[in-house]
């Protein structure tokens, strides 16, 4: 089946626009439902988890840069 001349560009444009609308709607929905809440880490983790709440680059120790040996 051969498509009419120039229709492919319009199909790609329409597909791109629909994708952008879906992405924007998804981000809006996420924002409205609190999905970007930074305090979620306090709900997921508790005090017994220790430093699991902080990212590895903020631990303050050099354990992330030094390789650990796995000797049995």
PDB file of N, CA and C in Angstrom:
ATOM      1  N   UNK A   1       0.834  -1.163   0.000  1.00  0.00           N
ATOM      2  CA  UNK A   1       0.000   0.000   0.000  1.00  0.00           C
ATOM      3  C   UNK A   1       0.891   1.242   0.000  1.00  0.00           C
ATOM      4  N   UNK A   2       0.691   2.114  -0.906  1.00  0.00           N
ATOM      5  CA  UNK A   2       1.484   3.336  -1.006  1.00  0.00           C
ATOM      6  C   UNK A   2       0.648   4.508  -0.488  1.00  0.00           C
ATOM      7  N   UNK A   3       1.246   5.234   0.455  1.00  0.00           N
ATOM      8  CA  UNK A   3       0.572   6.394   1.024  1.00  0.00           C
ATOM      9  C   UNK A   3       0.703   7.584   0.080  1.00  0.00           C
ATOM     10  N   UNK A   4      -0.263   8.473   0.125  1.00  0.00           N
ATOM     11  CA  UNK A   4      -0.167   9.681  -0.707  1.00  0.00           C
ATOM     12  C   UNK A   4       1.067  10.507  -0.341  1.00  0.00           C
ATOM     13  N   UNK A   5       1.591  11.235  -1.297  1.00  0.00           N
ATOM     14  CA  UNK A   5       2.800  12.036  -1.114  1.00  0.00           C
ATOM     15  C   UNK A   5       2.608  13.072   0.002  1.00  0.00           C
ATOM     16  N   UNK A   6       3.532  13.122   0.941  1.00  0.00           N
ATOM     17  CA  UNK A   6       3.517  14.115   1.997  1.00  0.00           C
ATOM     18  C   UNK A   6       2.724  13.740   3.232  1.00  0.00           C
ATOM     19  N   UNK A   7       1.977  12.665   3.186  1.00  0.00           N
ATOM     20  CA  UNK A   7       1.134  12.301   4.335  1.00  0.00           C
ATOM     21  C   UNK A   7       1.969  11.780   5.514  1.00  0.00           C
ATOM     22  N   UNK A   8       3.137  11.217   5.217  1.00  0.00           N
ATOM     23  CA  UNK A   8       3.979  10.650   6.280  1.00  0.00           C
ATOM     24  C   UNK A   8       4.438  11.751   7.234  1.00  0.00           C
ATOM     25  N   UNK A   9       4.783  12.912   6.714  1.00  0.00           N
ATOM     26  CA  UNK A   9       5.209  14.017   7.576  1.00  0.00           C
ATOM     27  C   UNK A   9       4.069  14.440   8.501  1.00  0.00           C
ATOM     28  N   UNK A  10       2.859  14.476   7.985  1.00  0.00           N
ATOM     29  CA  UNK A  10       1.718  14.842   8.819  1.00  0.00           C
ATOM     30  C   UNK A  10       1.427  13.776   9.874  1.00  0.00           C
ATOM     31  N   UNK A  11       1.609  12.512   9.511  1.00  0.00           N
ATOM     32  CA  UNK A  11       1.408  11.438  10.491  1.00  0.00           C
ATOM     33  C   UNK A  11       2.429  11.530  11.624  1.00  0.00           C
ATOM     34  N   UNK A  12       3.701  11.794  11.279  1.00  0.00           N
ATOM     35  CA  UNK A  12       4.732  11.938  12.307  1.00  0.00           C
ATOM     36  C   UNK A  12       4.447  13.152  13.187  1.00  0.00           C
ATOM     37  N   UNK A  13       4.014  14.234  12.594  1.00  0.00           N
ATOM     38  CA  UNK A  13       3.688  15.440  13.357  1.00  0.00           C
ATOM     39  C   UNK A  13       2.527  15.180  14.308  1.00  0.00           C
ATOM     40  N   UNK A  14       1.490  14.529  13.812  1.00  0.00           N
ATOM     41  CA  UNK A  14       0.329  14.228  14.656  1.00  0.00           C
ATOM     42  C   UNK A  14       0.722  13.281  15.792  1.00  0.00           C
ATOM     43  N   UNK A  15       1.539  12.293  15.492  1.00  0.00           N
ATOM     44  CA  UNK A  15       1.986  11.354  16.522  1.00  0.00           C
ATOM     45  C   UNK A  15       2.812  12.068  17.587  1.00  0.00           C
ATOM     46  N   UNK A  16       3.699  12.960  17.167  1.00  0.00           N
ATOM     47  CA  UNK A  16       4.509  13.724  18.112  1.00  0.00           C
ATOM     48  C   UNK A  16       3.667  14.621  18.993  1.00  0.00           C
ATOM     49  N   UNK A  17       2.678  15.280  18.405  1.00  0.00           N
ATOM     50  CA  UNK A  17       1.820  16.161  19.191  1.00  0.00           C
ATOM     51  C   UNK A  17       0.986  15.387  20.205  1.00  0.00           C
ATOM     52  N   UNK A  18       0.460  14.252  19.792  1.00  0.00           N
ATOM     53  CA  UNK A  18      -0.314  13.420  20.724  1.00  0.00           C
ATOM     54  C   UNK A  18       0.586  12.941  21.862  1.00  0.00           C
ATOM     55  N   UNK A  19       1.812  12.560  21.538  1.00  0.00           N
ATOM     56  CA  UNK A  19       2.750  12.121  22.578  1.00  0.00           C
ATOM     57  C   UNK A  19       3.045  13.247  23.559  1.00  0.00           C
ATOM     58  N   UNK A  20       3.271  14.450  23.053  1.00  0.00           N
ATOM     59  CA  UNK A  20       3.546  15.583  23.932  1.00  0.00           C
ATOM     60  C   UNK A  20       2.355  15.910  24.831  1.00  0.00           C
ATOM     61  N   UNK A  21       1.160  15.831  24.291  1.00  0.00           N
ATOM     62  CA  UNK A  21      -0.033  16.095  25.098  1.00  0.00           C
ATOM     63  C   UNK A  21      -0.164  15.052  26.205  1.00  0.00           C
ATOM     64  N   UNK A  22       0.093  13.799  25.893  1.00  0.00           N
ATOM     65  CA  UNK A  22       0.012  12.739  26.901  1.00  0.00           C
ATOM     66  C   UNK A  22       1.072  12.940  27.980  1.00  0.00           C
ATOM     67  N   UNK A  23       2.281  13.328  27.583  1.00  0.00           N
ATOM     68  CA  UNK A  23       3.351  13.562  28.552  1.00  0.00           C
ATOM     69  C   UNK A  23       3.006  14.727  29.474  1.00  0.00           C
ATOM     70  N   UNK A  24       2.530  15.825  28.898  1.00  0.00           N
ATOM     71  CA  UNK A  24       2.158  16.990  29.707  1.00  0.00           C
ATOM     72  C   UNK A  24       1.008  16.632  30.649  1.00  0.00           C
ATOM     73  N   UNK A  25       0.031  15.899  30.171  1.00  0.00           N
ATOM     74  CA  UNK A  25      -1.076  15.477  31.028  1.00  0.00           C
ATOM     75  C   UNK A  25      -0.574  14.578  32.159  1.00  0.00           C
ATOM     76  N   UNK A  26       0.356  13.685  31.849  1.00  0.00           N
ATOM     77  CA  UNK A  26       0.910  12.804  32.880  1.00  0.00           C
ATOM     78  C   UNK A  26       1.660  13.567  33.954  1.00  0.00           C
ATOM     79  N   UNK A  27       2.445  14.563  33.551  1.00  0.00           N
ATOM     80  CA  UNK A  27       3.173  15.378  34.525  1.00  0.00           C
ATOM     81  C   UNK A  27       2.203  16.197  35.364  1.00  0.00           C
ATOM     82  N   UNK A  28       1.179  16.741  34.728  1.00  0.00           N
ATOM     83  CA  UNK A  28       0.166  17.516  35.462  1.00  0.00           C
ATOM     84  C   UNK A  28      -0.549  16.631  36.483  1.00  0.00           C
ATOM     85  N   UNK A  29      -0.941  15.425  36.067  1.00  0.00           N
ATOM     86  CA  UNK A  29      -1.616  14.496  36.964  1.00  0.00           C
ATOM     87  C   UNK A  29      -0.696  14.140  38.137  1.00  0.00           C
ATOM     88  N   UNK A  30       0.570  13.883  37.838  1.00  0.00           N
ATOM     89  CA  UNK A  30       1.518  13.533  38.886  1.00  0.00           C
ATOM     90  C   UNK A  30       1.681  14.663  39.888  1.00  0.00           C
ATOM     91  N   UNK A  31       1.757  15.884  39.382  1.00  0.00           N
ATOM     92  CA  UNK A  31       1.905  17.037  40.261  1.00  0.00           C
ATOM     93  C   UNK A  31       0.668  17.212  41.139  1.00  0.00           C
ATOM     94  N   UNK A  32      -0.507  17.081  40.556  1.00  0.00           N
ATOM     95  CA  UNK A  32      -1.743  17.253  41.314  1.00  0.00           C
ATOM     96  C   UNK A  32      -1.921  16.167  42.373  1.00  0.00           C
ATOM     97  N   UNK A  33      -1.387  14.986  42.149  1.00  0.00           N
ATOM     98  CA  UNK A  33      -1.545  13.871  43.086  1.00  0.00           C
ATOM     99  C   UNK A  33      -0.348  13.704  44.012  1.00  0.00           C
ATOM    100  N   UNK A  34       0.529  14.713  44.068  1.00  0.00           N
ATOM    101  CA  UNK A  34       1.624  14.705  45.034  1.00  0.00           C
ATOM    102  C   UNK A  34       2.729  13.718  44.742  1.00  0.00           C
ATOM    103  N   UNK A  35       2.946  13.375  43.503  1.00  0.00           N
ATOM    104  CA  UNK A  35       3.979  12.404  43.172  1.00  0.00           C
ATOM    105  C   UNK A  35       5.392  12.982  43.248  1.00  0.00           C
ATOM    106  N   UNK A  36       5.521  14.302  43.313  1.00  0.00           N
ATOM    107  CA  UNK A  36       6.824  14.941  43.397  1.00  0.00           C
ATOM    108  C   UNK A  36       7.132  15.407  44.813  1.00  0.00           C
ATOM    109  N   UNK A  37       6.459  14.840  45.787  1.00  0.00           N
ATOM    110  CA  UNK A  37       6.642  15.221  47.184  1.00  0.00           C
ATOM    111  C   UNK A  37       7.957  14.651  47.703  1.00  0.00           C
ATOM    112  N   UNK A  38       8.848  15.530  48.128  1.00  0.00           N
ATOM    113  CA  UNK A  38      10.147  15.088  48.643  1.00  0.00           C
ATOM    114  C   UNK A  38      10.033  14.448  50.025  1.00  0.00           C
ATOM    115  N   UNK A  39       8.948  14.692  50.723  1.00  0.00           N
ATOM    116  CA  UNK A  39       8.786  14.121  52.059  1.00  0.00           C
ATOM    117  C   UNK A  39       8.356  12.662  52.023  1.00  0.00           C
ATOM    118  N   UNK A  40       8.198  12.108  50.835  1.00  0.00           N
ATOM    119  CA  UNK A  40       7.793  10.703  50.730  1.00  0.00           C
ATOM    120  C   UNK A  40       8.836   9.779  51.349  1.00  0.00           C
ATOM    121  N   UNK A  41      10.106  10.220  51.356  1.00  0.00           N
ATOM    122  CA  UNK A  41      11.142   9.371  51.928  1.00  0.00           C
ATOM    123  C   UNK A  41      10.925   9.164  53.428  1.00  0.00           C
ATOM    124  N   UNK A  42      10.252  10.102  54.093  1.00  0.00           N
ATOM    125  CA  UNK A  42       9.982   9.926  55.517  1.00  0.00           C
ATOM    126  C   UNK A  42       8.805   8.986  55.752  1.00  0.00           C
ATOM    127  N   UNK A  43       7.989   8.796  54.742  1.00  0.00           N
ATOM    128  CA  UNK A  43       6.884   7.847  54.852  1.00  0.00           C
ATOM    129  C   UNK A  43       7.377   6.430  54.560  1.00  0.00           C
ATOM    130  N   UNK A  44       8.257   6.304  53.568  1.00  0.00           N
ATOM    131  CA  UNK A  44       8.751   4.987  53.158  1.00  0.00           C
ATOM    132  C   UNK A  44       9.767   4.448  54.160  1.00  0.00           C
ATOM    133  N   UNK A  45      10.711   5.300  54.585  1.00  0.00           N
ATOM    134  CA  UNK A  45      11.758   4.870  55.503  1.00  0.00           C
ATOM    135  C   UNK A  45      11.387   5.259  56.930  1.00  0.00           C
ATOM    136  N   UNK A  46      11.926   4.523  57.874  1.00  0.00           N
ATOM    137  CA  UNK A  46      11.752   4.887  59.273  1.00  0.00           C
ATOM    138  C   UNK A  46      13.133   5.093  59.893  1.00  0.00           C
ATOM    139  N   UNK A  47      13.174   5.388  61.164  1.00  0.00           N
ATOM    140  CA  UNK A  47      14.444   5.703  61.819  1.00  0.00           C
ATOM    141  C   UNK A  47      15.393   4.505  61.852  1.00  0.00           C
ATOM    142  N   UNK A  48      14.871   3.297  61.794  1.00  0.00           N
ATOM    143  CA  UNK A  48      15.719   2.107  61.837  1.00  0.00           C
ATOM    144  C   UNK A  48      16.505   1.901  60.551  1.00  0.00           C
ATOM    145  N   UNK A  49      16.095   2.593  59.477  1.00  0.00           N
ATOM    146  CA  UNK A  49      16.787   2.432  58.201  1.00  0.00           C
ATOM    147  C   UNK A  49      18.105   3.203  58.140  1.00  0.00           C
ATOM    148  N   UNK A  50      18.339   4.071  59.073  1.00  0.00           N
ATOM    149  CA  UNK A  50      19.605   4.785  59.154  1.00  0.00           C
ATOM    150  C   UNK A  50      19.826   5.729  57.988  1.00  0.00           C
ATOM    151  N   UNK A  51      20.932   5.545  57.299  1.00  0.00           N
ATOM    152  CA  UNK A  51      21.303   6.471  56.233  1.00  0.00           C
ATOM    153  C   UNK A  51      20.705   6.090  54.885  1.00  0.00           C
ATOM    154  N   UNK A  52      19.722   5.240  54.854  1.00  0.00           N
ATOM    155  CA  UNK A  52      19.102   4.847  53.583  1.00  0.00           C
ATOM    156  C   UNK A  52      18.324   5.998  52.965  1.00  0.00           C
ATOM    157  N   UNK A  53      17.973   7.003  53.779  1.00  0.00           N
ATOM    158  CA  UNK A  53      17.214   8.144  53.271  1.00  0.00           C
ATOM    159  C   UNK A  53      18.081   9.115  52.486  1.00  0.00           C
ATOM    160  N   UNK A  54      19.383   9.107  52.717  1.00  0.00           N
ATOM    161  CA  UNK A  54      20.253  10.058  52.039  1.00  0.00           C
ATOM    162  C   UNK A  54      20.871   9.407  50.805  1.00  0.00           C
ATOM    163  N   UNK A  55      21.020  10.168  49.727  1.00  0.00           N
ATOM    164  CA  UNK A  55      21.653   9.628  48.526  1.00  0.00           C
ATOM    165  C   UNK A  55      23.110   9.262  48.806  1.00  0.00           C
ATOM    166  N   UNK A  56      23.679   8.352  48.039  1.00  0.00           N
ATOM    167  CA  UNK A  56      25.059   7.901  48.297  1.00  0.00           C
ATOM    168  C   UNK A  56      26.082   9.039  48.249  1.00  0.00           C
ATOM    169  N   UNK A  57      25.863  10.041  47.405  1.00  0.00           N
ATOM    170  CA  UNK A  57      26.854  11.111  47.301  1.00  0.00           C
ATOM    171  C   UNK A  57      26.782  12.093  48.467  1.00  0.00           C
ATOM    172  N   UNK A  58      25.812  11.944  49.361  1.00  0.00           N
ATOM    173  CA  UNK A  58      25.687  12.838  50.510  1.00  0.00           C
ATOM    174  C   UNK A  58      26.016  12.150  51.836  1.00  0.00           C
ATOM    175  N   UNK A  59      26.546  10.948  51.797  1.00  0.00           N
ATOM    176  CA  UNK A  59      26.817  10.213  53.034  1.00  0.00           C
ATOM    177  C   UNK A  59      27.957  10.828  53.831  1.00  0.00           C
ATOM    178  N   UNK A  60      28.899  11.477  53.179  1.00  0.00           N
ATOM    179  CA  UNK A  60      30.000  12.096  53.888  1.00  0.00           C
ATOM    180  C   UNK A  60      31.172  11.173  54.108  1.00  0.00           C
ATOM    181  N   UNK A  61      31.063   9.925  53.776  1.00  0.00           N
ATOM    182  CA  UNK A  61      32.189   9.009  53.898  1.00  0.00           C
ATOM    183  C   UNK A  61      32.712   8.666  52.521  1.00  0.00           C
ATOM    184  N   UNK A  62      33.915   8.124  52.497  1.00  0.00           N
ATOM    185  CA  UNK A  62      34.524   7.766  51.216  1.00  0.00           C
ATOM    186  C   UNK A  62      34.230   6.333  50.828  1.00  0.00           C
ATOM    187  N   UNK A  63      33.227   5.728  51.452  1.00  0.00           N
ATOM    188  CA  UNK A  63      32.918   4.330  51.160  1.00  0.00           C
ATOM    189  C   UNK A  63      32.384   4.152  49.745  1.00  0.00           C
ATOM    190  N   UNK A  64      31.815   5.210  49.166  1.00  0.00           N
ATOM    191  CA  UNK A  64      31.287   5.101  47.813  1.00  0.00           C
ATOM    192  C   UNK A  64      32.404   5.118  46.784  1.00  0.00           C
ATOM    193  N   UNK A  65      33.563   5.700  47.147  1.00  0.00           N
ATOM    194  CA  UNK A  65      34.650   5.798  46.176  1.00  0.00           C
ATOM    195  C   UNK A  65      35.658   4.675  46.320  1.00  0.00           C
ATOM    196  N   UNK A  66      35.702   4.039  47.489  1.00  0.00           N
ATOM    197  CA  UNK A  66      36.652   2.958  47.668  1.00  0.00           C
ATOM    198  C   UNK A  66      35.971   1.627  47.382  1.00  0.00           C
ATOM    199  N   UNK A  67      36.618   0.809  46.554  1.00  0.00           N
ATOM    200  CA  UNK A  67      35.998  -0.494  46.257  1.00  0.00           C
ATOM    201  C   UNK A  67      36.073  -1.415  47.458  1.00  0.00           C
ATOM    202  N   UNK A  68      35.053  -2.195  47.619  1.00  0.00           N
ATOM    203  CA  UNK A  68      35.002  -3.160  48.716  1.00  0.00           C
ATOM    204  C   UNK A  68      35.428  -4.523  48.186  1.00  0.00           C
ATOM    205  N   UNK A  69      36.228  -5.204  48.952  1.00  0.00           N
ATOM    206  CA  UNK A  69      36.686  -6.531  48.532  1.00  0.00           C
ATOM    207  C   UNK A  69      35.618  -7.555  48.903  1.00  0.00           C
ATOM    208  N   UNK A  70      35.457  -8.518  48.044  1.00  0.00           N
ATOM    209  CA  UNK A  70      34.459  -9.564  48.260  1.00  0.00           C
ATOM    210  C   UNK A  70      35.159 -10.889  48.513  1.00  0.00           C
ATOM    211  N   UNK A  71      36.038 -10.916  49.497  1.00  0.00           N
ATOM    212  CA  UNK A  71      36.737 -12.153  49.818  1.00  0.00           C
ATOM    213  C   UNK A  71      35.822 -13.042  50.637  1.00  0.00           C
ATOM    214  N   UNK A  72      35.680 -14.290  50.203  1.00  0.00           N
ATOM    215  CA  UNK A  72      34.815 -15.206  50.960  1.00  0.00           C
ATOM    216  C   UNK A  72      35.410 -15.667  52.255  1.00  0.00           C
TER     217      UNK A  72
END
